[in-house]
């Protein structure tokens, strides 16, 4: 389960069998990411039904924290942290993943039904 999918692989998977070219798909994906980023940075929550929710949560600062690299004690102010909470459908689908399967078992993007609801 340690495999990863890059943005280029997502673009290629979306391009297969569709009339949009790679450049248009790349532009759409970048625009989607920019909209999500802009919304959460302005304090809004982005909810994608069936997938999950993106938001910025406030993490309280600490007077005594430790720099993991140097071990030095530092003070950390209150700050925002981007977070993602998976939706119910994504949680159910992830629950059924076989942990003994090979890392590339679910990585065939061509088999993903993007239009399924």
PDB file of N, CA and C in Angstrom:
ATOM      1  N   UNK A   1       0.818  -1.196   0.000  1.00  0.00           N
ATOM      2  CA  UNK A   1       0.000   0.000   0.000  1.00  0.00           C
ATOM      3  C   UNK A   1       0.860   1.257   0.000  1.00  0.00           C
ATOM      4  N   UNK A   2       2.149   1.098  -0.256  1.00  0.00           N
ATOM      5  CA  UNK A   2       3.064   2.235  -0.212  1.00  0.00           C
ATOM      6  C   UNK A   2       3.189   2.931  -1.556  1.00  0.00           C
ATOM      7  N   UNK A   3       2.490   2.484  -2.583  1.00  0.00           N
ATOM      8  CA  UNK A   3       2.595   3.119  -3.886  1.00  0.00           C
ATOM      9  C   UNK A   3       2.005   4.512  -3.870  1.00  0.00           C
ATOM     10  N   UNK A   4       2.371   5.311  -4.864  1.00  0.00           N
ATOM     11  CA  UNK A   4       1.808   6.648  -4.950  1.00  0.00           C
ATOM     12  C   UNK A   4       1.428   6.936  -6.388  1.00  0.00           C
ATOM     13  N   UNK A   5       0.547   7.908  -6.561  1.00  0.00           N
ATOM     14  CA  UNK A   5       0.084   8.326  -7.873  1.00  0.00           C
ATOM     15  C   UNK A   5       0.420   9.812  -8.005  1.00  0.00           C
ATOM     16  N   UNK A   6       1.086  10.169  -9.081  1.00  0.00           N
ATOM     17  CA  UNK A   6       1.456  11.562  -9.295  1.00  0.00           C
ATOM     18  C   UNK A   6       0.362  12.297 -10.061  1.00  0.00           C
ATOM     19  N   UNK A   7       0.462  13.626 -10.078  1.00  0.00           N
ATOM     20  CA  UNK A   7      -0.507  14.422 -10.830  1.00  0.00           C
ATOM     21  C   UNK A   7      -0.440  14.072 -12.315  1.00  0.00           C
ATOM     22  N   UNK A   8       0.746  13.813 -12.833  1.00  0.00           N
ATOM     23  CA  UNK A   8       0.896  13.445 -14.245  1.00  0.00           C
ATOM     24  C   UNK A   8       0.162  12.143 -14.549  1.00  0.00           C
ATOM     25  N   UNK A   9       0.208  11.180 -13.615  1.00  0.00           N
ATOM     26  CA  UNK A   9      -0.505   9.917 -13.811  1.00  0.00           C
ATOM     27  C   UNK A   9      -2.007  10.119 -13.747  1.00  0.00           C
ATOM     28  N   UNK A  10      -2.468  11.012 -12.882  1.00  0.00           N
ATOM     29  CA  UNK A  10      -3.898  11.328 -12.834  1.00  0.00           C
ATOM     30  C   UNK A  10      -4.354  11.962 -14.148  1.00  0.00           C
ATOM     31  N   UNK A  11      -3.544  12.874 -14.673  1.00  0.00           N
ATOM     32  CA  UNK A  11      -3.873  13.520 -15.943  1.00  0.00           C
ATOM     33  C   UNK A  11      -3.947  12.488 -17.048  1.00  0.00           C
ATOM     34  N   UNK A  12      -2.999  11.574 -17.084  1.00  0.00           N
ATOM     35  CA  UNK A  12      -2.998  10.526 -18.112  1.00  0.00           C
ATOM     36  C   UNK A  12      -4.235   9.641 -17.988  1.00  0.00           C
ATOM     37  N   UNK A  13      -4.614   9.290 -16.759  1.00  0.00           N
ATOM     38  CA  UNK A  13      -5.797   8.452 -16.543  1.00  0.00           C
ATOM     39  C   UNK A  13      -7.065   9.173 -16.984  1.00  0.00           C
ATOM     40  N   UNK A  14      -7.152  10.468 -16.721  1.00  0.00           N
ATOM     41  CA  UNK A  14      -8.324  11.244 -17.136  1.00  0.00           C
ATOM     42  C   UNK A  14      -8.345  11.452 -18.643  1.00  0.00           C
ATOM     43  N   UNK A  15      -7.176  11.515 -19.246  1.00  0.00           N
ATOM     44  CA  UNK A  15      -7.076  11.729 -20.690  1.00  0.00           C
ATOM     45  C   UNK A  15      -7.535  10.498 -21.485  1.00  0.00           C
ATOM     46  N   UNK A  16      -7.291   9.320 -20.966  1.00  0.00           N
ATOM     47  CA  UNK A  16      -7.611   8.074 -21.686  1.00  0.00           C
ATOM     48  C   UNK A  16      -9.111   8.003 -21.990  1.00  0.00           C
ATOM     49  N   UNK A  17      -9.433   7.931 -23.263  1.00  0.00           N
ATOM     50  CA  UNK A  17     -10.820   7.750 -23.690  1.00  0.00           C
ATOM     51  C   UNK A  17     -11.679   9.000 -23.608  1.00  0.00           C
ATOM     52  N   UNK A  18     -11.069  10.163 -23.475  1.00  0.00           N
ATOM     53  CA  UNK A  18     -11.845  11.398 -23.393  1.00  0.00           C
ATOM     54  C   UNK A  18     -11.408  12.348 -24.503  1.00  0.00           C
ATOM     55  N   UNK A  19     -12.252  13.329 -24.772  1.00  0.00           N
ATOM     56  CA  UNK A  19     -11.966  14.256 -25.864  1.00  0.00           C
ATOM     57  C   UNK A  19     -11.084  15.423 -25.451  1.00  0.00           C
ATOM     58  N   UNK A  20     -10.963  15.684 -24.152  1.00  0.00           N
ATOM     59  CA  UNK A  20     -10.087  16.762 -23.694  1.00  0.00           C
ATOM     60  C   UNK A  20      -8.623  16.363 -23.866  1.00  0.00           C
ATOM     61  N   UNK A  21      -7.787  17.339 -24.220  1.00  0.00           N
ATOM     62  CA  UNK A  21      -6.369  17.011 -24.335  1.00  0.00           C
ATOM     63  C   UNK A  21      -5.695  17.166 -22.970  1.00  0.00           C
ATOM     64  N   UNK A  22      -4.464  16.723 -22.874  1.00  0.00           N
ATOM     65  CA  UNK A  22      -3.734  16.728 -21.598  1.00  0.00           C
ATOM     66  C   UNK A  22      -3.587  18.135 -21.018  1.00  0.00           C
ATOM     67  N   UNK A  23      -3.347  19.107 -21.887  1.00  0.00           N
ATOM     68  CA  UNK A  23      -3.164  20.479 -21.430  1.00  0.00           C
ATOM     69  C   UNK A  23      -4.444  21.016 -20.787  1.00  0.00           C
ATOM     70  N   UNK A  24      -5.596  20.724 -21.376  1.00  0.00           N
ATOM     71  CA  UNK A  24      -6.869  21.170 -20.810  1.00  0.00           C
ATOM     72  C   UNK A  24      -7.137  20.484 -19.467  1.00  0.00           C
ATOM     73  N   UNK A  25      -6.860  19.189 -19.395  1.00  0.00           N
ATOM     74  CA  UNK A  25      -7.052  18.451 -18.142  1.00  0.00           C
ATOM     75  C   UNK A  25      -6.119  18.989 -17.069  1.00  0.00           C
ATOM     76  N   UNK A  26      -4.870  19.255 -17.434  1.00  0.00           N
ATOM     77  CA  UNK A  26      -3.897  19.810 -16.490  1.00  0.00           C
ATOM     78  C   UNK A  26      -4.402  21.154 -15.956  1.00  0.00           C
ATOM     79  N   UNK A  27      -4.938  21.986 -16.851  1.00  0.00           N
ATOM     80  CA  UNK A  27      -5.478  23.284 -16.445  1.00  0.00           C
ATOM     81  C   UNK A  27      -6.660  23.142 -15.494  1.00  0.00           C
ATOM     82  N   UNK A  28      -7.531  22.170 -15.773  1.00  0.00           N
ATOM     83  CA  UNK A  28      -8.683  21.933 -14.894  1.00  0.00           C
ATOM     84  C   UNK A  28      -8.247  21.461 -13.511  1.00  0.00           C
ATOM     85  N   UNK A  29      -7.303  20.543 -13.466  1.00  0.00           N
ATOM     86  CA  UNK A  29      -6.824  20.034 -12.177  1.00  0.00           C
ATOM     87  C   UNK A  29      -6.152  21.155 -11.386  1.00  0.00           C
ATOM     88  N   UNK A  30      -5.304  21.948 -12.046  1.00  0.00           N
ATOM     89  CA  UNK A  30      -4.651  23.065 -11.359  1.00  0.00           C
ATOM     90  C   UNK A  30      -5.676  24.069 -10.847  1.00  0.00           C
ATOM     91  N   UNK A  31      -6.708  24.352 -11.655  1.00  0.00           N
ATOM     92  CA  UNK A  31      -7.749  25.292 -11.234  1.00  0.00           C
ATOM     93  C   UNK A  31      -8.521  24.744 -10.032  1.00  0.00           C
ATOM     94  N   UNK A  32      -8.812  23.445 -10.036  1.00  0.00           N
ATOM     95  CA  UNK A  32      -9.506  22.825  -8.905  1.00  0.00           C
ATOM     96  C   UNK A  32      -8.670  22.949  -7.639  1.00  0.00           C
ATOM     97  N   UNK A  33      -7.386  22.614  -7.727  1.00  0.00           N
ATOM     98  CA  UNK A  33      -6.509  22.716  -6.564  1.00  0.00           C
ATOM     99  C   UNK A  33      -6.405  24.162  -6.071  1.00  0.00           C
ATOM    100  N   UNK A  34      -6.312  25.120  -7.000  1.00  0.00           N
ATOM    101  CA  UNK A  34      -6.236  26.529  -6.620  1.00  0.00           C
ATOM    102  C   UNK A  34      -7.506  26.983  -5.911  1.00  0.00           C
ATOM    103  N   UNK A  35      -8.660  26.541  -6.385  1.00  0.00           N
ATOM    104  CA  UNK A  35      -9.932  26.907  -5.753  1.00  0.00           C
ATOM    105  C   UNK A  35     -10.033  26.322  -4.344  1.00  0.00           C
ATOM    106  N   UNK A  36      -9.636  25.066  -4.197  1.00  0.00           N
ATOM    107  CA  UNK A  36      -9.663  24.431  -2.873  1.00  0.00           C
ATOM    108  C   UNK A  36      -8.718  25.168  -1.933  1.00  0.00           C
ATOM    109  N   UNK A  37      -7.499  25.425  -2.404  1.00  0.00           N
ATOM    110  CA  UNK A  37      -6.510  26.116  -1.578  1.00  0.00           C
ATOM    111  C   UNK A  37      -6.998  27.506  -1.188  1.00  0.00           C
ATOM    112  N   UNK A  38      -7.533  28.263  -2.143  1.00  0.00           N
ATOM    113  CA  UNK A  38      -8.028  29.609  -1.864  1.00  0.00           C
ATOM    114  C   UNK A  38      -9.173  29.603  -0.860  1.00  0.00           C
ATOM    115  N   UNK A  39     -10.064  28.636  -0.994  1.00  0.00           N
ATOM    116  CA  UNK A  39     -11.209  28.563  -0.091  1.00  0.00           C
ATOM    117  C   UNK A  39     -10.778  28.245   1.334  1.00  0.00           C
ATOM    118  N   UNK A  40      -9.915  27.247   1.502  1.00  0.00           N
ATOM    119  CA  UNK A  40      -9.536  26.884   2.877  1.00  0.00           C
ATOM    120  C   UNK A  40      -8.655  27.955   3.515  1.00  0.00           C
ATOM    121  N   UNK A  41      -7.838  28.645   2.712  1.00  0.00           N
ATOM    122  CA  UNK A  41      -6.998  29.697   3.274  1.00  0.00           C
ATOM    123  C   UNK A  41      -7.804  30.939   3.645  1.00  0.00           C
ATOM    124  N   UNK A  42      -9.011  31.073   3.068  1.00  0.00           N
ATOM    125  CA  UNK A  42      -9.878  32.193   3.440  1.00  0.00           C
ATOM    126  C   UNK A  42     -10.822  31.818   4.583  1.00  0.00           C
ATOM    127  N   UNK A  43     -10.619  30.630   5.157  1.00  0.00           N
ATOM    128  CA  UNK A  43     -11.400  30.228   6.324  1.00  0.00           C
ATOM    129  C   UNK A  43     -12.620  29.384   6.021  1.00  0.00           C
ATOM    130  N   UNK A  44     -12.832  29.033   4.764  1.00  0.00           N
ATOM    131  CA  UNK A  44     -13.979  28.213   4.394  1.00  0.00           C
ATOM    132  C   UNK A  44     -13.617  26.732   4.471  1.00  0.00           C
ATOM    133  N   UNK A  45     -14.650  25.897   4.560  1.00  0.00           N
ATOM    134  CA  UNK A  45     -14.482  24.451   4.519  1.00  0.00           C
ATOM    135  C   UNK A  45     -14.935  23.978   3.143  1.00  0.00           C
ATOM    136  N   UNK A  46     -14.154  23.117   2.512  1.00  0.00           N
ATOM    137  CA  UNK A  46     -14.507  22.580   1.197  1.00  0.00           C
ATOM    138  C   UNK A  46     -14.966  21.140   1.386  1.00  0.00           C
ATOM    139  N   UNK A  47     -16.233  20.889   1.077  1.00  0.00           N
ATOM    140  CA  UNK A  47     -16.807  19.560   1.249  1.00  0.00           C
ATOM    141  C   UNK A  47     -17.110  18.954  -0.118  1.00  0.00           C
ATOM    142  N   UNK A  48     -16.483  17.826  -0.409  1.00  0.00           N
ATOM    143  CA  UNK A  48     -16.733  17.092  -1.646  1.00  0.00           C
ATOM    144  C   UNK A  48     -17.459  15.807  -1.254  1.00  0.00           C
ATOM    145  N   UNK A  49     -18.765  15.788  -1.440  1.00  0.00           N
ATOM    146  CA  UNK A  49     -19.582  14.654  -1.014  1.00  0.00           C
ATOM    147  C   UNK A  49     -19.043  13.348  -1.589  1.00  0.00           C
ATOM    148  N   UNK A  50     -18.967  12.352  -0.731  1.00  0.00           N
ATOM    149  CA  UNK A  50     -18.481  11.044  -1.143  1.00  0.00           C
ATOM    150  C   UNK A  50     -16.966  10.924  -1.147  1.00  0.00           C
ATOM    151  N   UNK A  51     -16.283  12.052  -1.026  1.00  0.00           N
ATOM    152  CA  UNK A  51     -14.819  12.020  -1.015  1.00  0.00           C
ATOM    153  C   UNK A  51     -14.270  12.477   0.327  1.00  0.00           C
ATOM    154  N   UNK A  52     -14.535  13.722   0.692  1.00  0.00           N
ATOM    155  CA  UNK A  52     -14.039  14.198   1.974  1.00  0.00           C
ATOM    156  C   UNK A  52     -14.128  15.699   2.113  1.00  0.00           C
ATOM    157  N   UNK A  53     -13.559  16.193   3.203  1.00  0.00           N
ATOM    158  CA  UNK A  53     -13.627  17.602   3.546  1.00  0.00           C
ATOM    159  C   UNK A  53     -12.221  18.156   3.788  1.00  0.00           C
ATOM    160  N   UNK A  54     -11.947  19.304   3.167  1.00  0.00           N
ATOM    161  CA  UNK A  54     -10.684  20.009   3.356  1.00  0.00           C
ATOM    162  C   UNK A  54     -10.967  21.232   4.222  1.00  0.00           C
ATOM    163  N   UNK A  55     -10.089  21.490   5.186  1.00  0.00           N
ATOM    164  CA  UNK A  55     -10.253  22.668   6.026  1.00  0.00           C
ATOM    165  C   UNK A  55      -8.932  23.013   6.694  1.00  0.00           C
ATOM    166  N   UNK A  56      -8.884  24.213   7.270  1.00  0.00           N
ATOM    167  CA  UNK A  56      -7.728  24.611   8.065  1.00  0.00           C
ATOM    168  C   UNK A  56      -8.169  24.616   9.518  1.00  0.00           C
ATOM    169  N   UNK A  57      -7.439  23.899  10.351  1.00  0.00           N
ATOM    170  CA  UNK A  57      -7.722  23.853  11.777  1.00  0.00           C
ATOM    171  C   UNK A  57      -6.668  24.674  12.508  1.00  0.00           C
ATOM    172  N   UNK A  58      -7.068  25.287  13.613  1.00  0.00           N
ATOM    173  CA  UNK A  58      -6.139  26.076  14.409  1.00  0.00           C
ATOM    174  C   UNK A  58      -5.466  25.176  15.430  1.00  0.00           C
ATOM    175  N   UNK A  59      -4.163  25.179  15.420  1.00  0.00           N
ATOM    176  CA  UNK A  59      -3.394  24.412  16.405  1.00  0.00           C
ATOM    177  C   UNK A  59      -2.820  25.402  17.417  1.00  0.00           C
ATOM    178  N   UNK A  60      -3.083  25.114  18.676  1.00  0.00           N
ATOM    179  CA  UNK A  60      -2.597  25.994  19.738  1.00  0.00           C
ATOM    180  C   UNK A  60      -1.078  25.929  19.829  1.00  0.00           C
ATOM    181  N   UNK A  61      -0.486  27.079  20.126  1.00  0.00           N
ATOM    182  CA  UNK A  61       0.951  27.150  20.282  1.00  0.00           C
ATOM    183  C   UNK A  61       1.390  26.601  21.639  1.00  0.00           C
ATOM    184  N   UNK A  62       2.687  26.429  21.780  1.00  0.00           N
ATOM    185  CA  UNK A  62       3.261  25.950  23.041  1.00  0.00           C
ATOM    186  C   UNK A  62       4.469  26.804  23.388  1.00  0.00           C
ATOM    187  N   UNK A  63       4.619  27.030  24.683  1.00  0.00           N
ATOM    188  CA  UNK A  63       5.785  27.794  25.124  1.00  0.00           C
ATOM    189  C   UNK A  63       7.040  26.940  25.065  1.00  0.00           C
ATOM    190  N   UNK A  64       6.870  25.649  25.311  1.00  0.00           N
ATOM    191  CA  UNK A  64       8.036  24.755  25.300  1.00  0.00           C
ATOM    192  C   UNK A  64       7.791  23.626  24.305  1.00  0.00           C
ATOM    193  N   UNK A  65       8.394  23.746  23.153  1.00  0.00           N
ATOM    194  CA  UNK A  65       8.369  22.688  22.150  1.00  0.00           C
ATOM    195  C   UNK A  65       9.816  22.375  21.797  1.00  0.00           C
ATOM    196  N   UNK A  66      10.037  21.246  21.164  1.00  0.00           N
ATOM    197  CA  UNK A  66      11.407  20.854  20.848  1.00  0.00           C
ATOM    198  C   UNK A  66      11.585  20.762  19.334  1.00  0.00           C
ATOM    199  N   UNK A  67      12.652  21.377  18.852  1.00  0.00           N
ATOM    200  CA  UNK A  67      13.025  21.259  17.450  1.00  0.00           C
ATOM    201  C   UNK A  67      13.575  19.843  17.267  1.00  0.00           C
ATOM    202  N   UNK A  68      12.906  19.006  16.443  1.00  0.00           N
ATOM    203  CA  UNK A  68      13.349  17.612  16.321  1.00  0.00           C
ATOM    204  C   UNK A  68      14.723  17.453  15.680  1.00  0.00           C
ATOM    205  N   UNK A  69      15.145  18.435  14.911  1.00  0.00           N
ATOM    206  CA  UNK A  69      16.445  18.331  14.243  1.00  0.00           C
ATOM    207  C   UNK A  69      17.602  18.658  15.189  1.00  0.00           C
ATOM    208  N   UNK A  70      17.435  19.734  15.960  1.00  0.00           N
ATOM    209  CA  UNK A  70      18.531  20.174  16.826  1.00  0.00           C
ATOM    210  C   UNK A  70      18.335  19.797  18.292  1.00  0.00           C
ATOM    211  N   UNK A  71      17.099  19.527  18.667  1.00  0.00           N
ATOM    212  CA  UNK A  71      16.809  19.218  20.063  1.00  0.00           C
ATOM    213  C   UNK A  71      16.631  20.452  20.919  1.00  0.00           C
ATOM    214  N   UNK A  72      16.767  21.632  20.313  1.00  0.00           N
ATOM    215  CA  UNK A  72      16.648  22.886  21.052  1.00  0.00           C
ATOM    216  C   UNK A  72      15.197  23.137  21.446  1.00  0.00           C
ATOM    217  N   UNK A  73      14.994  23.749  22.596  1.00  0.00           N
ATOM    218  CA  UNK A  73      13.652  24.096  23.054  1.00  0.00           C
ATOM    219  C   UNK A  73      13.273  25.432  22.415  1.00  0.00           C
ATOM    220  N   UNK A  74      12.094  25.468  21.799  1.00  0.00           N
ATOM    221  CA  UNK A  74      11.620  26.659  21.104  1.00  0.00           C
ATOM    222  C   UNK A  74      10.186  26.957  21.518  1.00  0.00           C
ATOM    223  N   UNK A  75       9.735  28.157  21.235  1.00  0.00           N
ATOM    224  CA  UNK A  75       8.362  28.563  21.477  1.00  0.00           C
ATOM    225  C   UNK A  75       7.630  28.527  20.128  1.00  0.00           C
ATOM    226  N   UNK A  76       6.422  27.966  20.128  1.00  0.00           N
ATOM    227  CA  UNK A  76       5.645  27.862  18.895  1.00  0.00           C
ATOM    228  C   UNK A  76       4.336  28.628  19.084  1.00  0.00           C
ATOM    229  N   UNK A  77       4.048  29.547  18.166  1.00  0.00           N
ATOM    230  CA  UNK A  77       2.821  30.340  18.229  1.00  0.00           C
ATOM    231  C   UNK A  77       1.635  29.535  17.695  1.00  0.00           C
ATOM    232  N   UNK A  78       0.409  30.038  17.965  1.00  0.00           N
ATOM    233  CA  UNK A  78      -0.782  29.451  17.365  1.00  0.00           C
ATOM    234  C   UNK A  78      -0.630  29.504  15.847  1.00  0.00           C
ATOM    235  N   UNK A  79      -1.062  28.446  15.166  1.00  0.00           N
ATOM    236  CA  UNK A  79      -0.929  28.421  13.714  1.00  0.00           C
ATOM    237  C   UNK A  79      -1.974  27.510  13.088  1.00  0.00           C
ATOM    238  N   UNK A  80      -2.215  27.725  11.804  1.00  0.00           N
ATOM    239  CA  UNK A  80      -3.168  26.911  11.069  1.00  0.00           C
ATOM    240  C   UNK A  80      -2.509  25.668  10.498  1.00  0.00           C
ATOM    241  N   UNK A  81      -3.302  24.599  10.407  1.00  0.00           N
ATOM    242  CA  UNK A  81      -2.829  23.343   9.833  1.00  0.00           C
ATOM    243  C   UNK A  81      -3.884  22.860   8.838  1.00  0.00           C
ATOM    244  N   UNK A  82      -3.480  22.616   7.594  1.00  0.00           N
ATOM    245  CA  UNK A  82      -4.410  22.092   6.603  1.00  0.00           C
ATOM    246  C   UNK A  82      -4.754  20.650   6.966  1.00  0.00           C
ATOM    247  N   UNK A  83      -6.049  20.306   6.867  1.00  0.00           N
ATOM    248  CA  UNK A  83      -6.447  18.943   7.208  1.00  0.00           C
ATOM    249  C   UNK A  83      -7.459  18.418   6.200  1.00  0.00           C
ATOM    250  N   UNK A  84      -7.530  17.108   6.130  1.00  0.00           N
ATOM    251  CA  UNK A  84      -8.478  16.414   5.257  1.00  0.00           C
ATOM    252  C   UNK A  84      -9.165  15.343   6.080  1.00  0.00           C
ATOM    253  N   UNK A  85     -10.499  15.318   6.007  1.00  0.00           N
ATOM    254  CA  UNK A  85     -11.267  14.262   6.661  1.00  0.00           C
ATOM    255  C   UNK A  85     -11.964  13.465   5.573  1.00  0.00           C
ATOM    256  N   UNK A  86     -11.690  12.182   5.463  1.00  0.00           N
ATOM    257  CA  UNK A  86     -12.336  11.386   4.425  1.00  0.00           C
ATOM    258  C   UNK A  86     -13.837  11.292   4.659  1.00  0.00           C
ATOM    259  N   UNK A  87     -14.598  11.248   3.563  1.00  0.00           N
ATOM    260  CA  UNK A  87     -16.040  11.098   3.642  1.00  0.00           C
ATOM    261  C   UNK A  87     -16.435   9.658   3.908  1.00  0.00           C
ATOM    262  N   UNK A  88     -17.709   9.461   4.190  1.00  0.00           N
ATOM    263  CA  UNK A  88     -18.220   8.138   4.542  1.00  0.00           C
ATOM    264  C   UNK A  88     -17.945   7.101   3.449  1.00  0.00           C
ATOM    265  N   UNK A  89     -18.191   7.469   2.182  1.00  0.00           N
ATOM    266  CA  UNK A  89     -17.995   6.513   1.085  1.00  0.00           C
ATOM    267  C   UNK A  89     -16.524   6.137   0.924  1.00  0.00           C
ATOM    268  N   UNK A  90     -15.632   7.108   1.080  1.00  0.00           N
ATOM    269  CA  UNK A  90     -14.195   6.825   0.979  1.00  0.00           C
ATOM    270  C   UNK A  90     -13.747   5.942   2.135  1.00  0.00           C
ATOM    271  N   UNK A  91     -14.267   6.207   3.328  1.00  0.00           N
ATOM    272  CA  UNK A  91     -13.926   5.379   4.484  1.00  0.00           C
ATOM    273  C   UNK A  91     -14.363   3.933   4.264  1.00  0.00           C
ATOM    274  N   UNK A  92     -15.588   3.756   3.751  1.00  0.00           N
ATOM    275  CA  UNK A  92     -16.095   2.395   3.503  1.00  0.00           C
ATOM    276  C   UNK A  92     -15.244   1.678   2.462  1.00  0.00           C
ATOM    277  N   UNK A  93     -14.879   2.386   1.398  1.00  0.00           N
ATOM    278  CA  UNK A  93     -14.066   1.774   0.338  1.00  0.00           C
ATOM    279  C   UNK A  93     -12.678   1.419   0.862  1.00  0.00           C
ATOM    280  N   UNK A  94     -12.085   2.281   1.683  1.00  0.00           N
ATOM    281  CA  UNK A  94     -10.754   2.018   2.222  1.00  0.00           C
ATOM    282  C   UNK A  94     -10.781   0.856   3.210  1.00  0.00           C
ATOM    283  N   UNK A  95     -11.891   0.684   3.889  1.00  0.00           N
ATOM    284  CA  UNK A  95     -12.019  -0.379   4.887  1.00  0.00           C
ATOM    285  C   UNK A  95     -11.882  -1.757   4.244  1.00  0.00           C
ATOM    286  N   UNK A  96     -12.269  -1.875   2.982  1.00  0.00           N
ATOM    287  CA  UNK A  96     -12.269  -3.175   2.305  1.00  0.00           C
ATOM    288  C   UNK A  96     -10.941  -3.519   1.645  1.00  0.00           C
ATOM    289  N   UNK A  97      -9.945  -2.634   1.740  1.00  0.00           N
ATOM    290  CA  UNK A  97      -8.647  -2.896   1.117  1.00  0.00           C
ATOM    291  C   UNK A  97      -7.962  -4.048   1.839  1.00  0.00           C
ATOM    292  N   UNK A  98      -7.417  -4.984   1.060  1.00  0.00           N
ATOM    293  CA  UNK A  98      -6.716  -6.140   1.612  1.00  0.00           C
ATOM    294  C   UNK A  98      -5.290  -5.731   1.971  1.00  0.00           C
ATOM    295  N   UNK A  99      -4.923  -5.757   3.256  1.00  0.00           N
ATOM    296  CA  UNK A  99      -3.584  -5.322   3.647  1.00  0.00           C
ATOM    297  C   UNK A  99      -2.478  -6.258   3.172  1.00  0.00           C
ATOM    298  N   UNK A 100      -2.815  -7.468   2.764  1.00  0.00           N
ATOM    299  CA  UNK A 100      -1.792  -8.403   2.299  1.00  0.00           C
ATOM    300  C   UNK A 100      -1.558  -8.290   0.799  1.00  0.00           C
ATOM    301  N   UNK A 101      -2.364  -7.467   0.109  1.00  0.00           N
ATOM    302  CA  UNK A 101      -2.214  -7.315  -1.335  1.00  0.00           C
ATOM    303  C   UNK A 101      -0.939  -6.550  -1.652  1.00  0.00           C
ATOM    304  N   UNK A 102      -0.445  -6.704  -2.872  1.00  0.00           N
ATOM    305  CA  UNK A 102       0.779  -6.017  -3.281  1.00  0.00           C
ATOM    306  C   UNK A 102       0.536  -4.509  -3.330  1.00  0.00           C
ATOM    307  N   UNK A 103       1.596  -3.695  -3.202  1.00  0.00           N
ATOM    308  CA  UNK A 103       1.446  -2.241  -3.191  1.00  0.00           C
ATOM    309  C   UNK A 103       0.835  -1.681  -4.462  1.00  0.00           C
ATOM    310  N   UNK A 104       0.980  -2.386  -5.575  1.00  0.00           N
ATOM    311  CA  UNK A 104       0.450  -1.873  -6.837  1.00  0.00           C
ATOM    312  C   UNK A 104      -0.916  -2.461  -7.157  1.00  0.00           C
ATOM    313  N   UNK A 105      -1.512  -3.172  -6.223  1.00  0.00           N
ATOM    314  CA  UNK A 105      -2.776  -3.840  -6.495  1.00  0.00           C
ATOM    315  C   UNK A 105      -3.873  -2.879  -6.900  1.00  0.00           C
ATOM    316  N   UNK A 106      -3.976  -1.729  -6.278  1.00  0.00           N
ATOM    317  CA  UNK A 106      -5.032  -0.780  -6.606  1.00  0.00           C
ATOM    318  C   UNK A 106      -4.548   0.369  -7.456  1.00  0.00           C
ATOM    319  N   UNK A 107      -3.356   0.269  -8.000  1.00  0.00           N
ATOM    320  CA  UNK A 107      -2.757   1.403  -8.680  1.00  0.00           C
ATOM    321  C   UNK A 107      -3.089   1.500 -10.163  1.00  0.00           C
ATOM    322  N   UNK A 108      -3.904   0.609 -10.708  1.00  0.00           N
ATOM    323  CA  UNK A 108      -4.244   0.682 -12.117  1.00  0.00           C
ATOM    324  C   UNK A 108      -5.280   1.774 -12.322  1.00  0.00           C
ATOM    325  N   UNK A 109      -4.816   2.961 -12.693  1.00  0.00           N
ATOM    326  CA  UNK A 109      -5.712   4.106 -12.825  1.00  0.00           C
ATOM    327  C   UNK A 109      -6.687   3.957 -13.974  1.00  0.00           C
ATOM    328  N   UNK A 110      -6.320   3.202 -14.989  1.00  0.00           N
ATOM    329  CA  UNK A 110      -7.212   3.029 -16.121  1.00  0.00           C
ATOM    330  C   UNK A 110      -8.476   2.303 -15.711  1.00  0.00           C
ATOM    331  N   UNK A 111      -8.410   1.520 -14.646  1.00  0.00           N
ATOM    332  CA  UNK A 111      -9.575   0.762 -14.188  1.00  0.00           C
ATOM    333  C   UNK A 111     -10.485   1.592 -13.291  1.00  0.00           C
ATOM    334  N   UNK A 112     -10.050   2.781 -12.912  1.00  0.00           N
ATOM    335  CA  UNK A 112     -10.864   3.621 -12.019  1.00  0.00           C
ATOM    336  C   UNK A 112     -12.004   4.225 -12.820  1.00  0.00           C
ATOM    337  N   UNK A 113     -13.225   4.076 -12.296  1.00  0.00           N
ATOM    338  CA  UNK A 113     -14.392   4.641 -12.948  1.00  0.00           C
ATOM    339  C   UNK A 113     -14.603   6.056 -12.415  1.00  0.00           C
ATOM    340  N   UNK A 114     -14.143   7.037 -13.130  1.00  0.00           N
ATOM    341  CA  UNK A 114     -14.166   8.412 -12.678  1.00  0.00           C
ATOM    342  C   UNK A 114     -15.586   8.972 -12.687  1.00  0.00           C
ATOM    343  N   UNK A 115     -16.437   8.490 -13.559  1.00  0.00           N
ATOM    344  CA  UNK A 115     -17.781   9.006 -13.663  1.00  0.00           C
ATOM    345  C   UNK A 115     -18.752   8.341 -12.699  1.00  0.00           C
ATOM    346  N   UNK A 116     -18.319   7.318 -11.960  1.00  0.00           N
ATOM    347  CA  UNK A 116     -19.208   6.612 -11.034  1.00  0.00           C
ATOM    348  C   UNK A 116     -19.565   7.517  -9.863  1.00  0.00           C
ATOM    349  N   UNK A 117     -20.783   7.353  -9.384  1.00  0.00           N
ATOM    350  CA  UNK A 117     -21.234   8.166  -8.236  1.00  0.00           C
ATOM    351  C   UNK A 117     -21.562   7.296  -7.086  1.00  0.00           C
TER     352      UNK A 117
END
